[in-house]
């Protein structure tokens, strides 16, 4: 599948089948995340794979949006390790983490799985329950699995709404 088709077919899945995800697919998703570019190749990112019963229970305490997935990747950027743009002091940790998160989303799609970018997270609570995340800016969590056949597991109507090129692109 070419990249544009992959990008267009990706959608936010909000319900997953009770079907395990093969370890080799999880490994490929992690490899794609690690392969993501970052400013000056500083790689100020970290990924936490949550798939234990205890870990998933904790995730359900910080967001109502696990959608029944048995694997969730939390993505964070560490400001202390990131490149900082001199002209305005912009720290690129969250940018780099977002790039890695996009790699996760597209790798999931390429492997026949589904995910969504969950931003509704109680950040203080997740850092309390997972102290290893304390020094990171959490950019999102990504439930991963096979899409449920119900409407919640399929693209929403909003998925197909796109601004036109004229609304988004300015040629200077």
Protein backbone atom coordinates (compact mmCIF):
# COMPACT_ATOMS: atom_id res chain seq x y z
CA UNK A 1 0.00 0.00 0.00
CA UNK A 2 1.37 3.42 -0.88
CA UNK A 3 1.75 6.06 1.83
CA UNK A 4 -1.13 8.31 0.76
CA UNK A 5 -3.56 5.38 0.76
CA UNK A 6 -2.29 4.33 4.18
CA UNK A 7 -2.72 7.86 5.54
CA UNK A 8 -6.23 8.23 4.10
CA UNK A 9 -7.42 4.83 5.34
CA UNK A 10 -6.26 5.48 8.91
CA UNK A 11 -9.05 6.50 11.29
CA UNK A 12 -9.64 6.83 15.02
CA UNK A 13 -10.90 3.52 16.34
CA UNK A 14 -12.93 3.72 19.54
CA UNK A 15 -13.73 0.06 20.21
CA UNK A 16 -11.58 -3.03 19.94
CA UNK A 17 -12.22 -6.74 19.63
CA UNK A 18 -11.26 -9.00 22.51
CA UNK A 19 -8.50 -10.48 20.35
CA UNK A 20 -4.84 -10.52 21.33
CA UNK A 21 -2.34 -8.59 19.23
CA UNK A 22 0.61 -10.65 18.07
CA UNK A 23 3.90 -9.76 19.80
CA UNK A 24 5.69 -9.37 16.48
CA UNK A 25 3.23 -6.61 15.52
CA UNK A 26 3.79 -4.81 18.82
CA UNK A 27 7.55 -5.11 18.23
CA UNK A 28 7.21 -3.55 14.76
CA UNK A 29 5.14 -0.67 16.15
CA UNK A 30 7.81 0.03 18.79
CA UNK A 31 10.52 -0.19 16.12
CA UNK A 32 8.65 2.37 13.99
CA UNK A 33 8.39 4.70 17.00
CA UNK A 34 12.10 4.39 17.74
CA UNK A 35 12.83 5.13 14.05
CA UNK A 36 11.05 8.50 14.17
CA UNK A 37 13.14 11.58 13.42
CA UNK A 38 13.81 14.14 16.15
CA UNK A 39 15.46 17.55 16.28
CA UNK A 40 19.26 17.08 16.19
CA UNK A 41 18.49 13.36 16.64
CA UNK A 42 18.30 13.99 20.39
CA UNK A 43 15.49 11.41 20.73
CA UNK A 44 14.07 12.92 23.95
CA UNK A 45 11.18 10.44 23.89
CA UNK A 46 10.03 7.42 25.83
CA UNK A 47 7.35 4.82 25.18
CA UNK A 48 5.57 2.82 27.87
CA UNK A 49 3.80 -0.32 26.69
CA UNK A 50 0.93 -1.01 29.06
CA UNK A 51 -0.53 -4.51 28.68
CA UNK A 52 -0.66 -6.04 32.16
CA UNK A 53 -3.97 -6.26 34.00
CA UNK A 54 -2.61 -3.93 36.71
CA UNK A 55 -1.28 -1.42 34.17
CA UNK A 56 -4.54 -1.36 32.20
CA UNK A 57 -6.50 -0.88 35.45
CA UNK A 58 -4.34 2.18 36.20
CA UNK A 59 -4.88 3.54 32.69
CA UNK A 60 -8.63 3.28 33.27
CA UNK A 61 -8.14 5.54 36.32
CA UNK A 62 -6.59 8.31 34.20
CA UNK A 63 -8.82 8.21 31.12
CA UNK A 64 -12.21 6.78 30.18
CA UNK A 65 -10.85 6.23 26.66
CA UNK A 66 -8.98 2.91 26.68
CA UNK A 67 -11.75 1.54 24.45
CA UNK A 68 -11.17 -2.02 25.62
CA UNK A 69 -7.69 -2.33 24.10
CA UNK A 70 -5.33 -4.85 25.66
CA UNK A 71 -2.25 -2.87 24.62
CA UNK A 72 -1.76 0.84 25.20
CA UNK A 73 1.35 2.82 24.39
CA UNK A 74 1.93 6.03 26.32
CA UNK A 75 4.24 8.52 24.59
CA UNK A 76 6.21 11.18 26.39
CA UNK A 77 8.88 13.73 25.61
CA UNK A 78 11.59 14.68 28.11
CA UNK A 79 12.25 18.43 28.00
CA UNK A 80 15.64 18.10 29.74
CA UNK A 81 16.95 16.01 26.80
CA UNK A 82 15.45 17.95 23.88
CA UNK A 83 16.91 20.41 21.42
CA UNK A 84 15.92 24.01 22.11
CA UNK A 85 15.55 26.54 19.31
CA UNK A 86 17.76 29.53 20.10
CA UNK A 87 15.62 32.24 18.47
CA UNK A 88 12.65 31.79 20.81
CA UNK A 89 13.57 29.12 23.36
CA UNK A 90 11.11 26.57 21.94
CA UNK A 91 11.78 23.15 23.48
CA UNK A 92 11.17 20.40 20.91
CA UNK A 93 10.45 17.50 23.30
CA UNK A 94 6.71 17.53 22.59
CA UNK A 95 7.27 18.00 18.86
CA UNK A 96 9.62 15.03 18.77
CA UNK A 97 7.21 12.93 20.84
CA UNK A 98 4.35 13.86 18.50
CA UNK A 99 6.39 12.77 15.48
CA UNK A 100 7.06 9.42 17.15
CA UNK A 101 3.36 9.14 18.01
CA UNK A 102 2.49 9.68 14.34
CA UNK A 103 4.86 6.86 13.44
CA UNK A 104 2.99 4.65 15.92
CA UNK A 105 -0.37 5.52 14.39
CA UNK A 106 0.77 4.80 10.85
CA UNK A 107 2.61 1.60 11.79
CA UNK A 108 -0.53 0.35 13.55
CA UNK A 109 -2.54 1.02 10.39
CA UNK A 110 0.04 -0.65 8.13
CA UNK A 111 -0.14 -3.80 10.29
CA UNK A 112 -3.93 -4.13 9.97
CA UNK A 113 -4.56 -2.89 13.50
CA UNK A 114 -6.25 0.27 14.70
CA UNK A 115 -5.68 2.99 17.28
CA UNK A 116 -6.63 6.53 18.19
CA UNK A 117 -4.74 9.41 19.76
CA UNK A 118 -6.12 9.85 23.27
CA UNK A 119 -5.40 13.25 24.76
CA UNK A 120 -7.99 13.16 27.54
CA UNK A 121 -5.66 12.09 30.32
CA UNK A 122 -5.41 13.10 33.96
CA UNK A 123 -1.72 13.99 33.71
CA UNK A 124 -1.03 14.46 37.45
CA UNK A 125 -2.73 11.11 38.16
CA UNK A 126 -0.86 9.17 35.45
CA UNK A 127 2.43 10.50 36.81
CA UNK A 128 1.37 9.46 40.31
CA UNK A 129 0.38 5.94 39.21
CA UNK A 130 3.40 5.57 36.90
CA UNK A 131 6.23 7.49 38.61
CA UNK A 132 8.61 6.60 35.77
CA UNK A 133 6.68 9.13 33.64
CA UNK A 134 7.27 12.04 36.05
CA UNK A 135 9.96 13.84 34.04
CA UNK A 136 8.10 13.58 30.74
CA UNK A 137 5.49 15.65 28.95
CA UNK A 138 2.85 13.06 28.05
CA UNK A 139 1.57 13.80 24.54
CA UNK A 140 -0.94 10.99 24.33
CA UNK A 141 -1.80 7.39 24.78
CA UNK A 142 -2.59 4.96 22.02
CA UNK A 143 -4.89 1.96 22.54
CA UNK A 144 -3.95 -0.72 20.02
CA UNK A 145 -5.93 -3.67 18.75
CA UNK A 146 -8.22 -5.09 16.12
CA UNK A 147 -11.21 -2.91 15.31
CA UNK A 148 -14.56 -4.05 16.62
CA UNK A 149 -17.20 -4.57 13.93
CA UNK A 150 -19.64 -2.22 15.67
CA UNK A 151 -20.03 1.44 14.69
CA UNK A 152 -17.66 2.47 17.52
CA UNK A 153 -14.91 0.41 15.93
CA UNK A 154 -15.35 2.03 12.52
CA UNK A 155 -14.64 5.56 11.23
CA UNK A 156 -16.94 8.25 12.56
CA UNK A 157 -18.76 10.56 10.14
CA UNK A 158 -16.41 13.39 11.18
CA UNK A 159 -13.44 11.36 9.90
CA UNK A 160 -14.44 12.05 6.32
CA UNK A 161 -14.79 15.81 6.80
CA UNK A 162 -11.71 17.59 5.43
CA UNK A 163 -10.97 21.22 4.74
CA UNK A 164 -10.20 22.00 1.12
CA UNK A 165 -6.71 22.64 -0.15
CA UNK A 166 -7.60 26.33 -0.59
CA UNK A 167 -8.58 26.55 3.09
CA UNK A 168 -5.32 25.01 4.35
CA UNK A 169 -2.59 25.82 1.83
CA UNK A 170 -1.17 29.25 1.09
CA UNK A 171 1.42 29.62 -1.62
CA UNK A 172 3.74 32.53 -1.00
